[in-house]
Amino acid sequence: MIPARYAASRFPAKLMQDLAGKPVILRTYQAAVHTKLFDEVYVVTDSQVIYDTILREGGLAIMSVKEHDCGSDRIAEAVMQMDVDIIVNVQGDEPFTDRESLEGVMQVFEDDVHKEIDLASLMVKITDEEEIINPNTVKVIVDNRDFALYFSRSPIPYPRAKNKDTVYYKHKGIYAFRKSALMDFQRLPMLQLEATEKIEAIRYLEYGKKIKMVETNVQGIEIDTPEDLKKAQKAWK
């Protein structure tokens, strides 16, 4: 499932911006399809323009019935009547989505024989100081078994001892959910931490869900700003 909202506060209509001759959302959709990991890949959107773009290229798309504030809510509505156990969510602004990363989050559930894990997601180590302090980059800290402790737009952990080698991880916008966790998300109200940080993954933590983080070496480029799009266009070449 690829949630695709037309409006975006930092970069309006970013999903329909041109990336090497095709809209960003189409590049993301095709990247997910080309992994060959799924029987079906859907774009879930509130936009007739995005919906028509995917269908015109022979893809699968679902129009949202209700207005939604986040991708998890949008996907929950789309899969409510589907007979599925695990849903993989790729953000619409991730045109460099790769097979290895998706296999990593799916493997979490293969290994979870007691069904204790509610979600799996990706993190990648970052060292660039500008990226570490950039509020558009969501950071994550984990425990010694790689379960998420917290997500923030601030640099976490804070390096109080400046001589220490602090490791930072960026949260990448790919999730795999148990359907039950996704259904819980859409009926539970937003709490203070999620409202403050504007990070939907925090809602799962606030309600006690277990999020297993999987480290990947694939940096990719998430397109949040016009500058990101320029980087993506250069990388695509």
Protein backbone atom coordinates (compact mmCIF):
# COMPACT_ATOMS: atom_id res chain seq x y z
CA MET A 1 0.00 0.00 0.00
CA ILE A 2 1.34 3.42 -1.00
CA PRO A 3 -0.52 6.32 0.65
CA ALA A 4 -0.46 9.31 -1.66
CA ARG A 5 -1.80 12.68 -0.53
CA TYR A 6 -1.81 15.42 -3.14
CA ALA A 7 -1.44 18.34 -0.72
CA ALA A 8 1.84 18.75 1.18
CA SER A 9 2.74 21.64 3.46
CA ARG A 10 6.47 21.72 2.65
CA PHE A 11 6.20 20.91 -1.08
CA PRO A 12 2.71 21.14 -2.62
CA ALA A 13 1.91 18.51 -5.27
CA LYS A 14 5.33 16.92 -4.75
CA LEU A 15 4.10 13.47 -5.80
CA MET A 16 3.21 14.75 -9.25
CA GLN A 17 6.56 16.45 -9.81
CA ASP A 18 8.63 15.15 -12.70
CA LEU A 19 11.40 12.66 -11.94
CA ALA A 20 13.22 11.62 -15.10
CA GLY A 21 10.10 11.85 -17.24
CA LYS A 22 7.54 10.36 -14.84
CA PRO A 23 5.73 11.66 -11.74
CA VAL A 24 7.34 10.85 -8.38
CA ILE A 25 4.33 8.74 -7.31
CA LEU A 26 4.55 6.63 -10.46
CA ARG A 27 8.29 6.09 -9.93
CA THR A 28 7.55 4.94 -6.36
CA TYR A 29 4.74 2.64 -7.48
CA GLN A 30 6.88 1.06 -10.18
CA ALA A 31 9.78 0.60 -7.75
CA ALA A 32 7.51 -1.33 -5.38
CA VAL A 33 6.12 -3.46 -8.21
CA HIS A 34 9.58 -4.20 -9.59
CA THR A 35 10.69 -5.76 -6.29
CA LYS A 36 8.42 -8.70 -7.29
CA LEU A 37 7.63 -9.29 -3.60
CA PHE A 38 3.90 -8.65 -3.81
CA ASP A 39 0.92 -10.06 -5.67
CA GLU A 40 -0.70 -6.62 -5.63
CA VAL A 41 0.52 -3.09 -5.05
CA TYR A 42 -2.00 -0.26 -4.56
CA VAL A 43 -1.74 3.51 -4.42
CA VAL A 44 -4.28 4.85 -1.90
CA THR A 45 -5.05 8.49 -2.56
CA ASP A 46 -7.39 11.45 -2.09
CA SER A 47 -6.45 12.85 -5.49
CA GLN A 48 -8.21 12.19 -8.78
CA VAL A 49 -5.06 13.29 -10.59
CA ILE A 50 -2.90 10.71 -8.79
CA TYR A 51 -5.60 8.04 -9.13
CA ASP A 52 -5.89 8.59 -12.88
CA THR A 53 -2.10 8.66 -13.32
CA ILE A 54 -1.67 5.21 -11.76
CA LEU A 55 -4.60 3.66 -13.63
CA ARG A 56 -3.45 5.12 -16.93
CA GLU A 57 -0.16 3.24 -16.52
CA GLY A 58 -1.95 -0.03 -15.79
CA GLY A 59 -1.49 0.15 -12.01
CA LEU A 60 -3.90 -0.37 -9.10
CA ALA A 61 -5.31 2.54 -7.12
CA ILE A 62 -7.95 3.12 -4.45
CA MET A 63 -9.72 6.42 -3.80
CA SER A 64 -10.10 7.27 -0.13
CA VAL A 65 -13.69 7.74 1.01
CA LYS A 66 -12.89 9.90 4.05
CA GLU A 67 -10.42 12.70 4.74
CA HIS A 68 -7.30 11.46 6.54
CA ASP A 69 -4.51 13.20 8.41
CA CYS A 70 -1.90 10.48 7.97
CA GLY A 71 -0.94 7.51 5.83
CA SER A 72 -1.79 4.87 8.44
CA ASP A 73 -5.41 6.07 8.60
CA ARG A 74 -5.63 6.13 4.82
CA ILE A 75 -4.33 2.56 4.53
CA ALA A 76 -6.53 1.32 7.38
CA GLU A 77 -9.63 2.43 5.50
CA ALA A 78 -8.42 0.76 2.30
CA VAL A 79 -7.63 -2.64 3.86
CA MET A 80 -10.49 -2.82 6.35
CA GLN A 81 -12.44 -5.41 4.31
CA MET A 82 -9.39 -7.18 2.87
CA ASP A 83 -8.45 -10.65 4.09
CA VAL A 84 -4.78 -9.95 4.85
CA ASP A 85 -2.43 -10.48 7.79
CA ILE A 86 0.50 -8.17 7.01
CA ILE A 87 0.37 -4.85 5.16
CA VAL A 88 3.51 -3.14 3.86
CA ASN A 89 3.40 0.64 3.63
CA VAL A 90 5.76 2.46 1.27
CA GLN A 91 5.53 6.25 1.38
CA GLY A 92 4.64 7.88 -1.93
CA ASP A 93 7.75 10.06 -1.87
CA GLU A 94 10.18 7.08 -1.79
CA PRO A 95 11.02 6.48 -5.49
CA PHE A 96 14.26 4.67 -4.57
CA THR A 97 12.43 1.89 -2.71
CA ASP A 98 14.45 -1.35 -3.02
CA ARG A 99 13.80 -5.07 -2.66
CA GLU A 100 16.41 -5.68 0.06
CA SER A 101 14.87 -3.16 2.44
CA LEU A 102 11.34 -4.48 1.95
CA GLU A 103 12.53 -8.05 2.47
CA GLY A 104 14.07 -6.94 5.76
CA VAL A 105 10.82 -5.66 7.28
CA MET A 106 8.85 -8.65 5.99
CA GLN A 107 11.35 -11.10 7.49
CA VAL A 108 10.59 -9.69 10.95
CA PHE A 109 7.17 -11.33 10.84
CA GLU A 110 8.52 -14.58 9.44
CA ASP A 111 10.79 -14.80 12.50
CA ASP A 112 8.14 -13.65 15.01
CA VAL A 113 6.72 -17.08 15.83
CA HIS A 114 4.90 -15.85 18.96
CA LYS A 115 3.37 -12.87 17.13
CA GLU A 116 4.69 -10.35 19.65
CA ILE A 117 5.69 -7.67 17.13
CA ASP A 118 3.08 -5.20 15.89
CA LEU A 119 5.14 -3.28 13.32
CA ALA A 120 8.48 -3.39 11.57
CA SER A 121 10.21 -0.40 10.05
CA LEU A 122 13.55 0.74 8.64
CA MET A 123 16.38 2.86 9.97
CA VAL A 124 19.61 3.95 8.34
CA LYS A 125 22.72 5.34 9.99
CA ILE A 126 23.38 9.01 9.27
CA THR A 127 26.55 11.03 9.87
CA ASP A 128 25.90 14.29 8.03
CA GLU A 129 25.48 17.05 10.62
CA GLU A 130 22.95 18.98 8.56
CA GLU A 131 20.77 15.91 8.22
CA ILE A 132 21.04 15.14 11.94
CA ILE A 133 19.74 18.58 12.93
CA ASN A 134 17.23 18.86 10.06
CA PRO A 135 13.65 18.67 11.48
CA ASN A 136 12.46 17.11 8.21
CA THR A 137 14.63 14.08 9.05
CA VAL A 138 12.93 11.88 11.64
CA LYS A 139 15.42 10.23 13.98
CA VAL A 140 14.86 7.03 15.99
CA ILE A 141 16.51 5.50 19.05
CA VAL A 142 16.25 1.80 19.84
CA ASP A 143 16.90 -0.62 22.69
CA ASN A 144 19.49 -3.41 22.60
CA ARG A 145 17.11 -5.63 20.58
CA ASP A 146 16.37 -2.89 18.03
CA PHE A 147 12.88 -2.13 19.30
CA ALA A 148 12.00 1.54 18.85
CA LEU A 149 12.12 3.63 22.03
CA TYR A 150 11.25 7.00 20.50
CA PHE A 151 11.09 8.98 17.26
CA SER A 152 11.87 12.70 17.04
CA ARG A 153 12.59 15.54 14.66
CA SER A 154 15.24 16.69 17.12
CA PRO A 155 18.70 15.10 17.26
CA ILE A 156 18.37 12.07 19.53
CA PRO A 157 20.27 11.02 21.53
CA TYR A 158 21.60 14.39 22.67
CA PRO A 159 25.43 14.23 22.74
CA ARG A 160 26.10 15.71 26.17
CA ALA A 161 29.63 14.28 26.20
CA LYS A 162 31.03 15.91 23.08
CA ASN A 163 33.98 13.51 22.89
CA LYS A 164 31.75 10.47 22.53
CA ASP A 165 31.02 8.88 19.16
CA THR A 166 27.25 9.24 19.04
CA VAL A 167 25.37 7.12 16.50
CA TYR A 168 22.28 8.56 14.81
CA TYR A 169 19.64 6.70 12.85
CA LYS A 170 17.15 8.15 10.40
CA HIS A 171 13.71 6.58 10.27
CA LYS A 172 12.83 5.63 6.70
CA GLY A 173 9.20 5.79 5.62
CA ILE A 174 8.60 2.08 5.10
CA TYR A 175 6.49 0.03 7.52
CA ALA A 176 5.06 -3.45 7.75
CA PHE A 177 2.03 -3.81 10.05
CA ARG A 178 -0.03 -6.58 11.46
CA LYS A 179 -3.53 -5.72 10.32
CA SER A 180 -4.74 -5.71 13.93
CA ALA A 181 -2.22 -2.99 14.86
CA LEU A 182 -3.31 -0.87 11.90
CA MET A 183 -6.98 -1.21 12.83
CA ASP A 184 -6.15 -0.18 16.40
CA PHE A 185 -4.28 2.88 15.12
CA GLN A 186 -7.20 4.31 13.18
CA ARG A 187 -9.62 4.06 16.13
CA LEU A 188 -7.27 5.38 18.83
CA PRO A 189 -7.08 9.18 19.32
CA MET A 190 -3.88 11.13 18.81
CA LEU A 191 -2.04 11.85 22.05
CA GLN A 192 0.26 14.69 23.06
CA LEU A 193 3.63 13.38 21.89
CA GLU A 194 2.39 12.55 18.38
CA ALA A 195 0.63 15.91 18.16
CA THR A 196 3.82 17.71 19.23
CA GLU A 197 6.27 15.94 16.94
CA LYS A 198 3.83 15.33 14.03
CA ILE A 199 5.16 11.76 13.66
CA GLU A 200 2.48 9.09 13.33
CA ALA A 201 4.78 6.25 14.46
CA ILE A 202 4.73 7.76 17.94
CA ARG A 203 1.04 6.87 18.33
CA TYR A 204 1.92 3.19 18.17
CA LEU A 205 4.50 3.64 20.94
CA GLU A 206 2.15 5.71 23.10
CA TYR A 207 -0.36 2.87 23.03
CA GLY A 208 2.21 0.19 23.82
CA LYS A 209 2.76 -1.30 20.36
CA LYS A 210 6.09 -2.99 19.64
CA ILE A 211 8.00 -1.61 16.65
CA LYS A 212 10.97 -3.66 15.47
CA MET A 213 13.51 -1.54 13.60
CA VAL A 214 15.61 -3.08 10.83
CA GLU A 215 18.87 -1.39 9.86
CA THR A 216 19.51 -0.88 6.19
CA ASN A 217 22.46 0.59 4.32
CA VAL A 218 20.27 1.93 1.52
CA GLN A 219 20.07 5.69 1.99
CA GLY A 220 17.61 6.53 -0.77
CA ILE A 221 16.13 10.01 -1.13
CA GLU A 222 12.76 10.94 0.36
CA ILE A 223 11.29 13.87 -1.52
CA ASP A 224 10.09 16.35 1.09
CA THR A 225 11.37 19.58 -0.48
CA PRO A 226 12.29 20.99 -3.90
CA GLU A 227 15.93 20.51 -2.91
CA ASP A 228 15.27 16.79 -2.35
CA LEU A 229 13.76 16.56 -5.83
CA LYS A 230 16.91 18.07 -7.33
CA LYS A 231 19.00 15.46 -5.49
CA ALA A 232 16.71 12.70 -6.73
CA GLN A 233 16.92 13.91 -10.33
CA LYS A 234 20.71 13.94 -10.12
CA ALA A 235 20.82 10.50 -8.48
CA TRP A 236 18.44 9.02 -11.06
CA LYS A 237 20.86 9.90 -13.84
